[in-house]
Amino acid sequence: MGYTTTFEGHVKFSRKLTLDEKNDLDLISDNHHDDTKFPGAYCQWVTDKYGYYLEWDGKEKFYEYIEWLEWLIENKFEQWDIVLNGSLEWQGEEARDRGIITVKDNVVIYKKTLVTYDDDKIKRLRDLLAPQLEWYEEYSKKELSGEVDESYIYDMAREEFLYAPFDVLLKILAEKSVESDE
């Protein structure tokens, strides 16, 4: 178990890495770190195959990603006179857990995107679907008590939800949601 955050984008180096620099970073990314001088056990920031930018390795459960980025800048890139610039969008497992990491001249800026939901829209959808939701709650209780089985609920739900005013439902869902930055 754990929590996975995904990343899109990359951070560009001010110059191409030398082969020694790239190999040094590969060693850090390829190994488990127990030493407390490192921000975490695994660094999942890797270079592209040509050594022009830093990106996520695509593997799950990357923890301490901000700390690792700052550590790499302070302990490697600044020592090599390399300046990083760029941005990475990140998305956690939860819909509201997302944002952007921007690196500007080796300064890391972490910004979480605040996703807000239109409470009025949610209320209208709940009101519209109230009969179906009541029906589902009732049959879920019957399933738990053993009165009906799961397949019965899904067969009935298909028919029950056909009676929902679908055109109204789609119009409400199509309305633009509000999104802002924190």
Protein backbone atom coordinates (compact mmCIF):
# COMPACT_ATOMS: atom_id res chain seq x y z
CA MET A 1 0.00 0.00 0.00
CA GLY A 2 1.05 3.56 -0.52
CA TYR A 3 0.19 6.65 -2.44
CA THR A 4 1.10 7.30 -6.05
CA THR A 5 1.67 10.71 -7.55
CA THR A 6 2.23 11.06 -11.29
CA PHE A 7 4.15 13.81 -13.09
CA GLU A 8 3.98 15.32 -16.56
CA GLY A 9 6.66 17.57 -18.00
CA HIS A 10 10.35 18.06 -17.39
CA VAL A 11 12.94 20.49 -16.10
CA LYS A 12 15.53 21.56 -18.64
CA PHE A 13 19.25 21.83 -17.87
CA SER A 14 21.17 24.97 -18.88
CA ARG A 15 23.56 22.66 -20.72
CA LYS A 16 23.79 19.02 -21.67
CA LEU A 17 25.11 16.76 -18.90
CA THR A 18 28.50 15.16 -19.34
CA LEU A 19 28.60 11.38 -19.37
CA ASP A 20 30.08 11.36 -15.84
CA GLU A 21 27.32 13.68 -14.55
CA LYS A 22 24.61 11.57 -16.17
CA ASN A 23 26.11 8.37 -14.72
CA ASP A 24 26.28 9.99 -11.27
CA LEU A 25 22.57 10.88 -11.42
CA ASP A 26 21.71 7.41 -12.75
CA LEU A 27 23.48 5.88 -9.73
CA ILE A 28 21.39 7.98 -7.38
CA SER A 29 18.14 7.05 -9.16
CA ASP A 30 18.98 3.37 -9.48
CA ASN A 31 19.78 2.71 -5.83
CA HIS A 32 18.02 2.44 -2.47
CA HIS A 33 19.28 5.02 0.04
CA ASP A 34 19.34 4.26 3.78
CA ASP A 35 21.73 7.11 4.56
CA THR A 36 20.06 10.08 6.27
CA LYS A 37 21.97 12.50 4.03
CA PHE A 38 19.40 11.67 1.34
CA PRO A 39 15.80 12.96 1.45
CA GLY A 40 14.30 9.50 1.04
CA ALA A 41 14.90 5.90 0.11
CA TYR A 42 14.36 6.30 -3.64
CA CYS A 43 14.95 9.16 -6.05
CA GLN A 44 12.69 8.87 -9.06
CA TRP A 45 13.95 11.96 -10.86
CA VAL A 46 15.96 10.75 -13.86
CA THR A 47 17.58 12.34 -16.86
CA ASP A 48 16.41 11.81 -20.41
CA LYS A 49 18.66 9.48 -22.38
CA TYR A 50 20.54 12.41 -23.94
CA GLY A 51 21.14 14.40 -20.73
CA TYR A 52 19.16 17.53 -21.56
CA TYR A 53 16.50 17.47 -18.85
CA LEU A 54 15.21 15.92 -15.63
CA GLU A 55 11.93 14.00 -15.54
CA TRP A 56 9.97 11.46 -13.48
CA ASP A 57 10.86 7.81 -14.09
CA GLY A 58 7.18 6.78 -14.34
CA LYS A 59 7.34 4.37 -11.41
CA GLU A 60 4.73 4.41 -8.65
CA LYS A 61 4.97 5.65 -5.10
CA PHE A 62 7.51 8.47 -5.39
CA TYR A 63 7.79 10.14 -1.99
CA GLU A 64 9.77 13.26 -1.00
CA TYR A 65 9.79 14.41 -4.63
CA ILE A 66 10.19 18.10 -3.73
CA GLU A 67 12.95 17.33 -1.25
CA TRP A 68 14.72 15.15 -3.81
CA LEU A 69 14.52 17.88 -6.45
CA GLU A 70 15.95 20.45 -4.04
CA TRP A 71 18.64 18.01 -2.91
CA LEU A 72 19.71 17.31 -6.50
CA ILE A 73 19.89 21.02 -7.26
CA GLU A 74 21.92 21.82 -4.14
CA ASN A 75 24.20 18.77 -4.15
CA LYS A 76 24.68 18.11 -7.85
CA PHE A 77 23.47 20.71 -10.32
CA GLU A 78 24.78 23.80 -8.52
CA GLN A 79 28.16 22.08 -8.03
CA TRP A 80 28.23 21.38 -11.77
CA ASP A 81 27.19 24.98 -12.61
CA ILE A 82 23.94 23.78 -14.13
CA VAL A 83 20.79 25.86 -13.86
CA LEU A 84 17.37 24.19 -14.05
CA ASN A 85 14.20 25.74 -15.48
CA GLY A 86 10.85 24.20 -16.30
CA SER A 87 7.67 22.85 -14.80
CA LEU A 88 6.04 19.56 -13.94
CA GLU A 89 2.34 19.04 -13.37
CA TRP A 90 1.58 16.49 -10.68
CA GLN A 91 -1.55 14.49 -9.85
CA GLY A 92 -2.08 12.39 -6.75
CA GLU A 93 -4.59 9.56 -6.44
CA GLU A 94 -7.25 11.93 -5.13
CA ALA A 95 -8.91 14.21 -7.70
CA ARG A 96 -8.22 17.31 -5.60
CA ASP A 97 -4.57 16.39 -5.02
CA ARG A 98 -2.79 18.08 -7.91
CA GLY A 99 -0.65 21.02 -8.79
CA ILE A 100 2.51 22.21 -10.44
CA ILE A 101 6.19 22.25 -9.56
CA THR A 102 8.06 25.09 -11.21
CA VAL A 103 11.82 25.43 -11.18
CA LYS A 104 13.09 28.91 -12.06
CA ASP A 105 16.85 29.41 -11.96
CA ASN A 106 17.25 26.50 -9.50
CA VAL A 107 14.51 27.75 -7.17
CA VAL A 108 11.74 25.19 -6.64
CA ILE A 109 8.19 26.51 -6.36
CA TYR A 110 5.54 24.01 -5.32
CA LYS A 111 1.97 25.08 -5.95
CA LYS A 112 -1.06 22.97 -5.15
CA THR A 113 -4.08 23.59 -7.35
CA LEU A 114 -7.25 24.14 -5.38
CA VAL A 115 -10.16 22.40 -7.05
CA THR A 116 -13.51 23.65 -5.91
CA TYR A 117 -16.80 22.06 -6.68
CA ASP A 118 -19.97 23.90 -7.49
CA ASP A 119 -22.15 23.09 -4.47
CA ASP A 120 -25.25 24.29 -6.32
CA LYS A 121 -24.52 21.89 -9.19
CA ILE A 122 -23.98 19.01 -6.77
CA LYS A 123 -27.25 19.79 -4.96
CA ARG A 124 -29.16 19.92 -8.26
CA LEU A 125 -27.68 16.58 -9.33
CA ARG A 126 -28.54 15.00 -5.98
CA ASP A 127 -32.09 16.34 -6.19
CA LEU A 128 -32.43 15.06 -9.75
CA LEU A 129 -31.14 11.62 -8.84
CA ALA A 130 -32.82 11.38 -5.41
CA PRO A 131 -35.20 8.55 -6.38
CA GLN A 132 -32.38 6.50 -7.88
CA LEU A 133 -30.11 7.12 -4.90
CA GLU A 134 -32.86 6.09 -2.45
CA TRP A 135 -33.46 2.96 -4.51
CA TYR A 136 -29.75 2.13 -4.51
CA GLU A 137 -29.45 2.59 -0.74
CA GLU A 138 -32.45 0.34 -0.16
CA TYR A 139 -31.13 -2.46 -2.37
CA SER A 140 -27.60 -2.13 -0.99
CA LYS A 141 -29.01 -2.83 2.48
CA LYS A 142 -30.89 -5.84 1.08
CA GLU A 143 -27.67 -7.12 -0.48
CA LEU A 144 -25.82 -6.82 2.83
CA SER A 145 -28.58 -8.73 4.61
CA GLY A 146 -28.55 -11.43 1.92
CA GLU A 147 -32.09 -10.76 0.63
CA VAL A 148 -30.80 -10.09 -2.91
CA ASP A 149 -27.47 -10.67 -4.63
CA GLU A 150 -25.20 -8.20 -6.36
CA SER A 151 -26.26 -9.17 -9.91
CA TYR A 152 -29.89 -8.41 -9.07
CA ILE A 153 -28.95 -4.91 -7.92
CA TYR A 154 -26.98 -4.16 -11.07
CA ASP A 155 -29.72 -5.47 -13.37
CA MET A 156 -32.34 -3.43 -11.56
CA ALA A 157 -30.09 -0.37 -11.39
CA ARG A 158 -29.68 -0.38 -15.15
CA GLU A 159 -33.43 -0.24 -15.58
CA GLU A 160 -33.99 2.22 -12.71
CA PHE A 161 -31.41 4.69 -13.99
CA LEU A 162 -32.96 4.63 -17.44
CA TYR A 163 -35.78 6.67 -15.93
CA ALA A 164 -33.44 9.48 -14.85
CA PRO A 165 -33.96 12.67 -16.89
CA PHE A 166 -30.74 12.13 -18.78
CA ASP A 167 -30.84 15.31 -20.86
CA VAL A 168 -31.05 17.47 -17.71
CA LEU A 169 -28.34 15.43 -16.04
CA LEU A 170 -25.99 15.92 -19.00
CA LYS A 171 -26.64 19.66 -19.12
CA ILE A 172 -25.75 20.01 -15.45
CA LEU A 173 -22.61 17.91 -15.83
CA ALA A 174 -21.54 19.89 -18.91
CA GLU A 175 -21.52 23.16 -16.97
CA LYS A 176 -17.99 24.43 -16.40
CA SER A 177 -16.52 23.60 -12.99
CA VAL A 178 -14.61 26.19 -11.04
CA GLU A 179 -10.84 25.79 -10.65
CA SER A 180 -8.43 28.11 -8.93
CA ASP A 181 -4.94 28.14 -7.45
CA GLU A 182 -4.23 27.96 -3.75
